[in-house]
Amino acid sequence: MRLRPPIEKRLRGCKVRIKFAVLLGLCIILASCAKNIVTQPTSPQEKPSAGKKEESEPEEKPQPVPEPLPPEIVVDYSGIEPGLLEIVEVEEKPGLYNSYNPQFSSDERYLAFEVNLGNLKKIYIYKVKGDFSVNRSPSFSRVREVSLEEESGDQLTDSLFESSYMESFNYEFSWFHRSSAFVFTSNAGLGDYNLFVGSVDNNDRVFYEIREKLNPESHGDYFMMTEEIQKDGQAKVSPKGDKIVFTSGRTGNGDLYLLQVDSGKLKRLTFSDDTDFFPQWSPDGTQIVYTTGGEQAHDIHIIRNVGEDKEKDEVLVRWFFDDVLPNFSPDGKWIAFYSTYNVERDPFNTKRWGLMIIPSDGSAPSAGKELIDYFQIADVVKDNTQGAAWFPNSRHIIYAKNIDSAYNPVYIYDREKGEESLVETGTNINHDITVSPHGLVSFRAQLLGWDRVFVASSSFFQEYVRHQYGQ
């Protein structure tokens, strides 16, 4: 019986070793778990394989430094007699389409116009080339085709709406001042008309600032500036490029709205029951003149002190004749617009248009016999979007005369003398005449049954070139 104590002792020792082994095993398990917890990443990350570079955060694109703009050249155009030089067609090999509504950029580097291509309306932009110090006739090369088309992909659409994916309308073009950026109207092939911004140069300072400050929705190379079910259109950029005025149907009537380019802030400008459209800025950017009216007739209004506390809408012309498309002279002192006033005083005249020129300060009567004194030119061809084409001296206007037998010849009017003079162009069915800030002239005319865009230098532009090159 002496064996019992050693057995108990051995049993106690065995228990101690078992406890130790259990504890050791638990420690190993816990250590392993702890190791797994420490080594487990907070988010799944694939181990880079051979030949595959580890992905890194995208580097922030360096911000382009806008090149400083050279000072604008101020030219005294007084004493310059108006005249056109050699007239050239913009497109050497045009397609089977009509071209219309040409518009120069303010620095005359680019010319944009609209074209009809079946179910598509596009905007073609051409670079104006040539050393005008030695060659008076420019040449052109197309640098951009503006067209927004929404792809329907494999999505099935109802036949009623199928055409909306095919009909892309891009038009109503306006340049930013001294920039290759522009704003235009497009339905993006979907049916809703909104304002979009694009640029010939994607590093353009204006285009870059819009992208960085507003972060607008991107549609390919273009940014959407408005997004409404109702149409937004007829946008015009202010002379400083800081504001855009446009017409919107979002209220049901057609009212003018003001868009701040740097902030995207939107402000409604007009509140009448009539349709307000065809806005145009004054040269100093403080006033907007526009057309307003309904089915019977249209009037001319002006908004003073745009965007300020003293902003005010004034009536310039209101009578029973139709008056549309007002446009400021380059010095801001005059406003020209189309009117159906005629010597017979027939208010139902709808085919004969003339030009009235009134002072922009509101000193002219808004109606009556006294207003008739401001009627200047009878039987002109009314263009559809731009209004009268002023030369840089604010004295002369170039336009097409409504003379069917002579195929709408081009004339120049002297506001001070009240005289018209014929300009030999060698073209027929002329209309949509526009003049650049320094005197380049563009218009559309028919050639072999198609509307084509033509360009001519003028005596005013040659004077500008002389100052530009120090001649």
Protein backbone atom coordinates (compact mmCIF):
# COMPACT_ATOMS: atom_id res chain seq x y z
CA MET A 1 0.00 0.00 0.00
CA ARG A 2 3.05 2.20 -0.08
CA LEU A 3 2.52 2.45 -3.83
CA ARG A 4 -0.43 4.82 -3.49
CA PRO A 5 1.42 7.99 -2.68
CA PRO A 6 3.76 7.72 -5.74
CA ILE A 7 0.77 6.98 -8.01
CA GLU A 8 -1.12 10.02 -6.72
CA LYS A 9 2.00 12.02 -7.13
CA ARG A 10 2.41 10.79 -10.66
CA LEU A 11 -1.26 11.47 -11.35
CA ARG A 12 -0.92 14.97 -10.03
CA GLY A 13 2.16 15.48 -12.21
CA CYS A 14 0.27 14.13 -15.18
CA LYS A 15 -2.56 16.55 -14.51
CA VAL A 16 -0.06 19.38 -14.36
CA ARG A 17 1.46 18.35 -17.68
CA ILE A 18 -1.99 18.00 -19.27
CA LYS A 19 -2.98 21.45 -18.05
CA PHE A 20 0.27 22.85 -19.37
CA ALA A 21 -0.22 21.16 -22.72
CA VAL A 22 -3.78 22.50 -22.95
CA LEU A 23 -2.64 25.96 -22.04
CA LEU A 24 0.20 25.77 -24.54
CA GLY A 25 -2.20 24.66 -27.25
CA LEU A 26 -4.57 27.49 -26.47
CA CYS A 27 -1.67 29.95 -26.64
CA ILE A 28 -0.64 28.58 -30.05
CA ILE A 29 -4.22 28.84 -31.36
CA LEU A 30 -4.64 32.37 -30.01
CA ALA A 31 -1.29 33.40 -31.44
CA SER A 32 -2.27 31.99 -34.79
CA CYS A 33 -5.60 33.83 -34.70
CA ALA A 34 -3.88 37.00 -33.66
CA LYS A 35 -1.43 36.58 -36.51
CA ASN A 36 -4.29 36.11 -38.96
CA ILE A 37 -6.07 39.18 -37.61
CA VAL A 38 -2.97 41.35 -37.96
CA THR A 39 -2.08 40.17 -41.41
CA GLN A 40 -5.64 40.41 -42.80
CA PRO A 41 -5.88 43.66 -44.84
CA THR A 42 -8.69 46.10 -44.10
CA SER A 43 -9.87 45.86 -47.70
CA PRO A 44 -9.30 43.10 -50.23
CA GLN A 45 -6.22 43.83 -52.27
CA GLU A 46 -4.93 41.63 -55.03
CA LYS A 47 -1.25 40.74 -54.74
CA PRO A 48 0.52 42.06 -57.82
CA SER A 49 1.47 39.32 -60.18
CA ALA A 50 4.57 39.10 -62.34
CA GLY A 51 4.46 41.53 -65.20
CA LYS A 52 1.57 43.51 -63.67
CA LYS A 53 2.35 46.90 -62.19
CA GLU A 54 0.79 47.77 -58.90
CA GLU A 55 -2.03 50.26 -59.39
CA SER A 56 -1.48 53.68 -57.89
CA GLU A 57 -3.73 56.66 -57.33
CA PRO A 58 -4.19 58.74 -60.48
CA GLU A 59 -1.94 61.74 -60.59
CA GLU A 60 -3.63 65.12 -60.58
CA LYS A 61 -3.45 66.69 -64.00
CA PRO A 62 -1.34 69.83 -64.05
CA GLN A 63 -3.43 72.92 -64.52
CA PRO A 64 -2.69 74.69 -67.80
CA VAL A 65 -1.47 78.21 -67.41
CA PRO A 66 -3.60 80.43 -69.64
CA GLU A 67 -1.52 82.47 -72.00
CA PRO A 68 -1.94 86.20 -71.41
CA LEU A 69 -4.05 87.81 -74.08
CA PRO A 70 -2.34 90.49 -76.14
CA PRO A 71 -3.85 93.96 -75.80
CA GLU A 72 -6.68 94.67 -78.19
CA ILE A 73 -5.82 96.91 -81.11
CA VAL A 74 -7.84 100.12 -81.17
CA VAL A 75 -8.40 101.46 -84.67
CA ASP A 76 -9.86 104.78 -85.73
CA TYR A 77 -12.15 103.91 -88.64
CA SER A 78 -13.36 107.43 -89.26
CA GLY A 79 -12.70 108.51 -92.81
CA ILE A 80 -12.58 104.94 -94.15
CA GLU A 81 -14.82 104.51 -97.17
CA PRO A 82 -16.60 101.13 -97.10
CA GLY A 83 -15.84 98.57 -99.77
CA LEU A 84 -15.38 94.83 -100.28
CA LEU A 85 -12.30 93.17 -101.74
CA GLU A 86 -12.03 89.76 -103.39
CA ILE A 87 -14.86 87.38 -102.39
CA VAL A 88 -14.00 83.69 -101.83
CA GLU A 89 -16.08 80.60 -101.08
CA VAL A 90 -15.19 78.97 -97.76
CA GLU A 91 -15.52 75.33 -98.82
CA GLU A 92 -13.50 74.15 -101.81
CA LYS A 93 -15.47 70.91 -102.17
CA PRO A 94 -18.79 71.36 -100.36
CA GLY A 95 -21.18 68.47 -99.96
CA LEU A 96 -24.85 68.20 -100.86
CA TYR A 97 -26.12 70.43 -98.06
CA ASN A 98 -27.14 74.03 -97.38
CA SER A 99 -24.89 76.25 -95.26
CA TYR A 100 -26.12 79.29 -93.35
CA ASN A 101 -25.72 81.65 -90.37
CA PRO A 102 -21.94 82.31 -90.52
CA GLN A 103 -20.27 83.82 -87.44
CA PHE A 104 -16.67 84.93 -86.91
CA SER A 105 -14.86 84.56 -83.61
CA SER A 106 -14.01 87.97 -82.17
CA ASP A 107 -10.32 87.61 -83.10
CA GLU A 108 -11.21 86.42 -86.65
CA ARG A 109 -9.25 83.18 -86.20
CA TYR A 110 -12.33 81.02 -86.79
CA LEU A 111 -15.53 81.04 -88.79
CA ALA A 112 -18.49 78.84 -87.80
CA PHE A 113 -21.67 78.16 -89.72
CA GLU A 114 -24.57 75.71 -89.64
CA VAL A 115 -25.33 73.01 -92.20
CA ASN A 116 -28.37 70.86 -92.96
CA LEU A 117 -27.58 67.19 -93.56
CA GLY A 118 -30.90 65.39 -93.86
CA ASN A 119 -31.99 64.56 -90.30
CA LEU A 120 -28.86 66.20 -88.90
CA LYS A 121 -28.06 69.83 -88.27
CA LYS A 122 -24.37 70.34 -87.60
CA ILE A 123 -22.00 73.22 -87.03
CA TYR A 124 -18.80 73.38 -89.07
CA ILE A 125 -15.89 75.43 -87.74
CA TYR A 126 -13.15 76.59 -90.09
CA LYS A 127 -9.82 78.13 -89.27
CA VAL A 128 -9.23 81.40 -91.12
CA LYS A 129 -5.74 81.24 -92.60
CA GLY A 130 -3.53 83.63 -94.48
CA ASP A 131 -1.07 86.45 -93.95
CA PHE A 132 -3.33 89.43 -94.40
CA SER A 133 -0.36 91.78 -94.50
CA VAL A 134 0.52 90.43 -97.96
CA ASN A 135 -2.64 88.60 -99.05
CA ARG A 136 -6.10 90.13 -98.88
CA SER A 137 -7.92 86.83 -99.53
CA PRO A 138 -8.09 84.31 -96.67
CA SER A 139 -8.11 80.53 -97.03
CA PHE A 140 -9.89 78.07 -94.79
CA SER A 141 -9.50 74.60 -93.26
CA ARG A 142 -12.13 72.76 -91.28
CA VAL A 143 -11.03 72.12 -87.69
CA ARG A 144 -14.21 71.01 -85.92
CA GLU A 145 -17.55 69.39 -86.70
CA VAL A 146 -19.96 70.07 -83.85
CA SER A 147 -22.65 67.42 -83.49
CA LEU A 148 -24.08 65.69 -80.43
CA GLU A 149 -25.69 62.34 -81.18
CA GLU A 150 -26.99 59.99 -78.46
CA GLU A 151 -26.35 56.33 -79.20
CA SER A 152 -29.33 54.08 -78.51
CA GLY A 153 -27.16 50.94 -78.35
CA ASP A 154 -29.11 47.68 -78.14
CA GLN A 155 -32.01 49.28 -76.37
CA LEU A 156 -35.36 48.70 -78.09
CA THR A 157 -37.40 51.83 -78.60
CA ASP A 158 -40.99 52.44 -79.54
CA SER A 159 -41.33 53.40 -83.19
CA LEU A 160 -43.04 56.62 -82.13
CA PHE A 161 -39.85 57.83 -80.47
CA GLU A 162 -37.33 56.08 -82.66
CA SER A 163 -36.64 59.18 -84.73
CA SER A 164 -35.53 61.10 -81.65
CA TYR A 165 -32.39 58.97 -81.54
CA MET A 166 -31.60 59.77 -85.16
CA GLU A 167 -32.42 63.46 -85.52
CA SER A 168 -29.61 65.52 -84.02
CA PHE A 169 -30.02 69.28 -84.19
CA ASN A 170 -27.05 71.51 -83.32
CA TYR A 171 -27.37 75.23 -84.01
CA GLU A 172 -27.70 78.77 -82.53
CA PHE A 173 -23.98 79.31 -82.12
CA SER A 174 -22.22 82.03 -80.09
CA TRP A 175 -18.49 82.59 -79.48
CA PHE A 176 -16.86 83.60 -76.20
CA HIS A 177 -14.91 86.84 -76.54
CA ARG A 178 -11.28 86.37 -77.63
CA SER A 179 -11.52 82.63 -77.18
CA SER A 180 -12.00 79.45 -79.19
CA ALA A 181 -14.79 78.40 -76.79
CA PHE A 182 -18.41 78.61 -77.85
CA VAL A 183 -21.97 77.87 -76.69
CA PHE A 184 -24.67 76.30 -78.85
CA THR A 185 -28.10 74.66 -78.70
CA SER A 186 -28.45 70.90 -79.16
CA ASN A 187 -30.99 68.16 -78.55
CA ALA A 188 -28.14 65.60 -78.41
CA GLY A 189 -30.31 63.35 -80.56
CA LEU A 190 -32.81 62.94 -77.72
CA GLY A 191 -35.40 65.67 -78.17
CA ASP A 192 -34.67 68.01 -75.23
CA TYR A 193 -32.95 71.21 -76.32
CA ASN A 194 -30.28 72.52 -73.95
CA LEU A 195 -27.19 74.71 -73.98
CA PHE A 196 -23.78 73.12 -74.44
CA VAL A 197 -20.26 74.53 -74.36
CA GLY A 198 -17.36 73.37 -76.51
CA SER A 199 -14.03 74.64 -77.74
CA VAL A 200 -11.79 74.30 -80.75
CA ASP A 201 -8.83 74.09 -78.35
CA ASN A 202 -9.50 71.86 -75.33
CA ASN A 203 -6.87 73.82 -73.37
CA ASP A 204 -8.65 77.08 -74.03
CA ARG A 205 -8.69 79.21 -70.87
CA VAL A 206 -12.47 79.80 -70.94
CA PHE A 207 -13.25 76.16 -71.60
CA TYR A 208 -10.87 75.06 -68.82
CA GLU A 209 -12.36 77.47 -66.26
CA ILE A 210 -15.90 76.28 -67.00
CA ARG A 211 -14.83 72.68 -66.54
CA GLU A 212 -12.99 73.35 -63.27
CA LYS A 213 -15.47 75.76 -61.66
CA LEU A 214 -18.80 74.25 -62.67
CA ASN A 215 -17.90 70.57 -63.21
CA PRO A 216 -20.74 70.30 -65.76
CA GLU A 217 -22.06 67.04 -67.16
CA SER A 218 -19.86 65.85 -69.99
CA HIS A 219 -21.16 64.74 -73.38
CA GLY A 220 -18.09 63.71 -75.32
CA ASP A 221 -16.11 66.86 -76.03
CA TYR A 222 -18.90 69.14 -74.80
CA PHE A 223 -20.38 70.22 -71.47
CA MET A 224 -24.10 70.60 -70.76
CA MET A 225 -24.82 73.99 -69.24
CA THR A 226 -28.61 73.67 -68.80
CA GLU A 227 -30.90 70.70 -68.35
CA GLU A 228 -34.60 71.26 -68.87
CA ILE A 229 -37.48 69.43 -70.54
CA GLN A 230 -38.48 72.67 -72.25
CA LYS A 231 -36.22 74.20 -74.85
CA ASP A 232 -33.28 76.44 -73.94
CA GLY A 233 -31.74 78.28 -76.87
CA GLN A 234 -30.68 81.49 -78.64
CA ALA A 235 -27.75 81.89 -76.24
CA LYS A 236 -25.54 84.96 -76.52
CA VAL A 237 -22.28 85.34 -74.62
CA SER A 238 -21.61 88.72 -73.01
CA PRO A 239 -18.66 90.79 -74.33
CA LYS A 240 -16.60 89.93 -71.25
CA GLY A 241 -17.54 86.26 -71.44
CA ASP A 242 -18.80 86.15 -67.85
CA LYS A 243 -22.53 85.83 -68.62
CA ILE A 244 -24.81 84.05 -71.07
CA VAL A 245 -28.30 85.29 -71.86
CA PHE A 246 -30.71 82.83 -73.46
CA THR A 247 -34.38 82.15 -74.13
CA SER A 248 -36.08 79.33 -72.21
CA GLY A 249 -39.49 77.72 -72.46
CA ARG A 250 -39.32 76.44 -68.89
CA THR A 251 -41.98 78.94 -67.77
CA GLY A 252 -44.32 78.05 -70.62
CA ASN A 253 -44.01 81.42 -72.41
CA GLY A 254 -40.45 81.85 -73.50
CA ASP A 255 -38.52 84.14 -71.16
CA LEU A 256 -34.97 85.44 -70.97
CA TYR A 257 -32.58 83.97 -68.42
CA LEU A 258 -29.10 85.00 -67.33
CA LEU A 259 -26.43 82.39 -66.57
CA GLN A 260 -23.31 83.37 -64.61
CA VAL A 261 -20.44 81.48 -66.24
CA ASP A 262 -18.17 81.40 -63.19
CA SER A 263 -20.79 80.15 -60.70
CA GLY A 264 -23.57 78.58 -62.75
CA LYS A 265 -26.08 80.83 -61.01
CA LEU A 266 -29.27 81.30 -63.01
CA LYS A 267 -31.52 84.36 -62.95
CA ARG A 268 -34.80 84.99 -64.74
CA LEU A 269 -34.80 88.35 -66.53
CA THR A 270 -38.27 88.73 -68.09
CA PHE A 271 -41.72 88.00 -66.68
CA SER A 272 -44.24 89.03 -69.34
CA ASP A 273 -46.97 86.87 -70.84
CA ASP A 274 -45.40 87.31 -74.29
CA THR A 275 -42.53 85.38 -75.84
CA ASP A 276 -39.15 87.04 -75.34
CA PHE A 277 -36.38 86.05 -77.72
CA PHE A 278 -33.44 87.11 -79.95
CA PRO A 279 -31.43 88.80 -77.16
CA GLN A 280 -28.33 90.83 -78.05
CA TRP A 281 -25.74 92.38 -75.73
CA SER A 282 -24.58 95.97 -75.82
CA PRO A 283 -20.83 96.33 -76.50
CA ASP A 284 -20.13 97.21 -72.85
CA GLY A 285 -22.14 94.24 -71.54
CA THR A 286 -24.50 96.31 -69.39
CA GLN A 287 -27.63 96.14 -71.58
CA ILE A 288 -29.62 93.52 -73.47
CA VAL A 289 -31.97 94.41 -76.31
CA TYR A 290 -34.52 91.81 -77.39
CA THR A 291 -37.74 91.01 -79.27
CA THR A 292 -40.99 90.37 -77.44
CA GLY A 293 -44.54 89.68 -78.60
CA GLY A 294 -47.11 87.17 -79.71
CA GLU A 295 -49.01 86.14 -82.81
CA GLN A 296 -50.08 89.62 -83.85
CA ALA A 297 -46.89 91.68 -83.65
CA HIS A 298 -43.53 91.95 -81.93
CA ASP A 299 -41.97 94.87 -80.08
CA ILE A 300 -38.46 95.91 -79.06
CA HIS A 301 -37.44 96.07 -75.38
CA ILE A 302 -34.18 96.78 -73.61
CA ILE A 303 -32.90 95.69 -70.17
CA ARG A 304 -30.69 98.30 -68.53
CA ASN A 305 -28.04 97.56 -65.89
CA VAL A 306 -28.16 93.80 -66.41
CA GLY A 307 -27.44 91.81 -63.27
CA GLU A 308 -27.44 94.84 -60.98
CA ASP A 309 -29.87 96.10 -58.35
CA LYS A 310 -30.96 98.89 -60.70
CA GLU A 311 -31.85 96.46 -63.47
CA LYS A 312 -34.82 97.75 -65.47
CA ASP A 313 -36.83 96.61 -68.49
CA GLU A 314 -37.87 99.41 -70.88
CA VAL A 315 -40.03 99.59 -74.01
CA LEU A 316 -38.20 100.96 -77.05
CA VAL A 317 -40.77 100.28 -79.78
CA ARG A 318 -44.41 99.25 -79.45
CA TRP A 319 -46.88 99.78 -82.28
CA PHE A 320 -48.98 97.74 -84.70
CA PHE A 321 -46.09 96.92 -87.08
CA ASP A 322 -43.86 93.90 -86.58
CA ASP A 323 -40.35 94.63 -85.26
CA VAL A 324 -37.71 91.94 -84.71
CA LEU A 325 -34.00 91.14 -84.33
CA PRO A 326 -32.56 94.33 -82.77
CA ASN A 327 -28.78 94.73 -82.81
CA PHE A 328 -26.44 97.31 -81.28
CA SER A 329 -23.95 99.31 -83.31
CA PRO A 330 -20.30 98.63 -82.31
CA ASP A 331 -20.12 101.90 -80.36
CA GLY A 332 -23.37 101.05 -78.52
CA LYS A 333 -25.10 104.29 -79.48
CA TRP A 334 -27.56 102.89 -82.02
CA ILE A 335 -29.93 99.95 -82.40
CA ALA A 336 -31.00 98.65 -85.80
CA PHE A 337 -33.90 96.25 -86.24
CA TYR A 338 -36.18 94.86 -88.94
CA SER A 339 -39.66 96.33 -89.26
CA THR A 340 -42.68 95.69 -91.45
CA TYR A 341 -43.40 99.40 -91.53
CA ASN A 342 -44.01 100.52 -95.08
CA VAL A 343 -44.92 103.75 -96.81
CA GLU A 344 -48.45 102.50 -97.44
CA ARG A 345 -48.73 101.89 -93.68
CA ASP A 346 -50.26 98.49 -94.26
CA PRO A 347 -50.10 96.67 -90.91
CA PHE A 348 -50.84 93.37 -92.59
CA ASN A 349 -47.70 93.55 -94.71
CA THR A 350 -45.77 90.34 -93.99
CA LYS A 351 -43.34 90.06 -96.89
CA ARG A 352 -41.71 93.47 -97.07
CA TRP A 353 -39.17 94.29 -94.41
CA GLY A 354 -37.15 97.42 -93.79
CA LEU A 355 -34.53 98.62 -91.31
CA MET A 356 -35.13 101.15 -88.56
CA ILE A 357 -32.26 102.72 -86.62
CA ILE A 358 -32.96 104.36 -83.26
CA PRO A 359 -30.69 105.72 -80.51
CA SER A 360 -30.07 103.19 -77.75
CA ASP A 361 -30.60 105.72 -74.95
CA GLY A 362 -34.38 105.57 -75.38
CA SER A 363 -34.73 109.12 -76.64
CA ALA A 364 -36.68 108.05 -79.75
CA PRO A 365 -40.49 107.81 -79.54
CA SER A 366 -41.81 104.28 -79.07
CA ALA A 367 -44.66 104.67 -81.57
CA GLY A 368 -46.51 107.14 -83.77
CA LYS A 369 -45.58 109.39 -86.63
CA GLU A 370 -42.43 110.56 -84.87
CA LEU A 371 -41.04 107.00 -84.91
CA ILE A 372 -41.45 106.85 -88.70
CA ASP A 373 -38.61 109.38 -89.00
CA TYR A 374 -36.23 106.64 -87.84
CA PHE A 375 -37.18 104.31 -90.69
CA GLN A 376 -34.04 104.18 -92.84
CA ILE A 377 -34.03 101.41 -95.47
CA ALA A 378 -36.93 99.82 -97.32
CA ASP A 379 -37.12 96.37 -98.94
CA VAL A 380 -34.32 94.49 -97.21
CA VAL A 381 -33.87 90.73 -96.88
CA LYS A 382 -34.48 89.81 -93.24
CA ASP A 383 -32.12 87.17 -91.90
CA ASN A 384 -33.38 84.60 -89.41
CA THR A 385 -31.16 84.99 -86.37
CA GLN A 386 -28.53 87.75 -86.29
CA GLY A 387 -29.98 91.11 -87.20
CA ALA A 388 -28.39 94.00 -89.06
CA ALA A 389 -24.67 93.76 -89.91
CA TRP A 390 -22.81 96.87 -88.75
CA PHE A 391 -19.36 97.83 -89.96
CA PRO A 392 -16.83 98.73 -87.21
CA ASN A 393 -17.30 102.48 -87.67
CA SER A 394 -20.97 102.28 -86.47
CA ARG A 395 -21.92 104.38 -89.48
CA HIS A 396 -22.37 101.84 -92.26
CA ILE A 397 -24.59 98.74 -92.50
CA ILE A 398 -24.27 96.01 -95.13
CA TYR A 399 -27.36 94.06 -96.15
CA ALA A 400 -29.12 92.27 -99.01
CA LYS A 401 -31.77 94.18 -100.93
CA ASN A 402 -35.07 92.46 -101.62
CA ILE A 403 -35.02 92.81 -105.40
CA ASP A 404 -36.08 89.55 -106.99
CA SER A 405 -35.15 90.60 -110.50
CA ALA A 406 -31.55 91.24 -109.35
CA TYR A 407 -31.37 88.13 -107.11
CA ASN A 408 -31.06 90.03 -103.82
CA PRO A 409 -27.99 92.19 -104.46
CA VAL A 410 -25.75 93.45 -101.64
CA TYR A 411 -25.88 97.09 -100.57
CA ILE A 412 -24.11 99.32 -98.06
CA TYR A 413 -26.04 102.05 -96.23
CA ASP A 414 -24.52 105.25 -94.88
CA ARG A 415 -26.42 106.18 -91.70
CA GLU A 416 -25.19 109.79 -91.69
CA LYS A 417 -25.89 110.54 -95.34
CA GLY A 418 -28.96 108.31 -95.65
CA GLU A 419 -27.62 106.84 -98.89
CA GLU A 420 -27.49 103.31 -100.30
CA SER A 421 -24.76 102.03 -102.62
CA LEU A 422 -24.64 98.79 -104.59
CA VAL A 423 -21.79 96.31 -104.00
CA GLU A 424 -20.84 94.03 -106.88
CA THR A 425 -20.37 90.53 -105.43
CA GLY A 426 -20.97 88.25 -108.39
CA THR A 427 -23.26 86.13 -106.18
CA ASN A 428 -27.00 85.53 -106.19
CA ILE A 429 -29.77 85.10 -103.58
CA ASN A 430 -27.64 86.78 -100.89
CA HIS A 431 -28.64 86.80 -97.22
CA ASP A 432 -27.37 86.07 -93.67
CA ILE A 433 -24.74 88.82 -93.88
CA THR A 434 -22.46 89.24 -90.87
CA VAL A 435 -19.43 91.43 -90.12
CA SER A 436 -16.60 90.55 -87.74
CA PRO A 437 -15.48 93.07 -85.09
CA HIS A 438 -12.72 94.33 -87.40
CA GLY A 439 -14.53 94.19 -90.72
CA LEU A 440 -14.34 90.73 -92.29
CA VAL A 441 -17.62 90.08 -94.11
CA SER A 442 -19.37 86.72 -94.51
CA PHE A 443 -22.70 85.84 -96.09
CA ARG A 444 -24.51 82.99 -97.77
CA ALA A 445 -25.49 82.88 -101.41
CA GLN A 446 -26.81 80.27 -103.79
CA LEU A 447 -24.48 78.35 -106.04
CA LEU A 448 -25.81 75.61 -108.31
CA GLY A 449 -28.98 75.43 -106.21
CA TRP A 450 -27.20 75.12 -102.84
CA ASP A 451 -26.64 77.76 -100.14
CA ARG A 452 -22.89 78.34 -99.67
CA VAL A 453 -20.89 80.57 -97.32
CA PHE A 454 -18.64 83.28 -98.75
CA VAL A 455 -16.09 85.61 -97.13
CA ALA A 456 -14.69 88.96 -98.20
CA SER A 457 -12.21 91.34 -96.70
CA SER A 458 -13.22 94.98 -96.48
CA SER A 459 -11.54 98.36 -96.41
CA PHE A 460 -12.17 98.40 -92.64
CA PHE A 461 -10.41 95.08 -92.12
CA GLN A 462 -7.44 96.23 -94.22
CA GLU A 463 -7.13 99.27 -91.95
CA TYR A 464 -7.13 96.93 -88.95
CA VAL A 465 -4.42 94.78 -90.58
CA ARG A 466 -2.34 97.89 -91.22
CA HIS A 467 -2.44 98.72 -87.50
CA GLN A 468 -1.87 95.09 -86.51
CA TYR A 469 1.32 94.77 -88.53
CA GLY A 470 2.44 98.34 -87.91
CA GLN A 471 2.34 99.28 -91.56
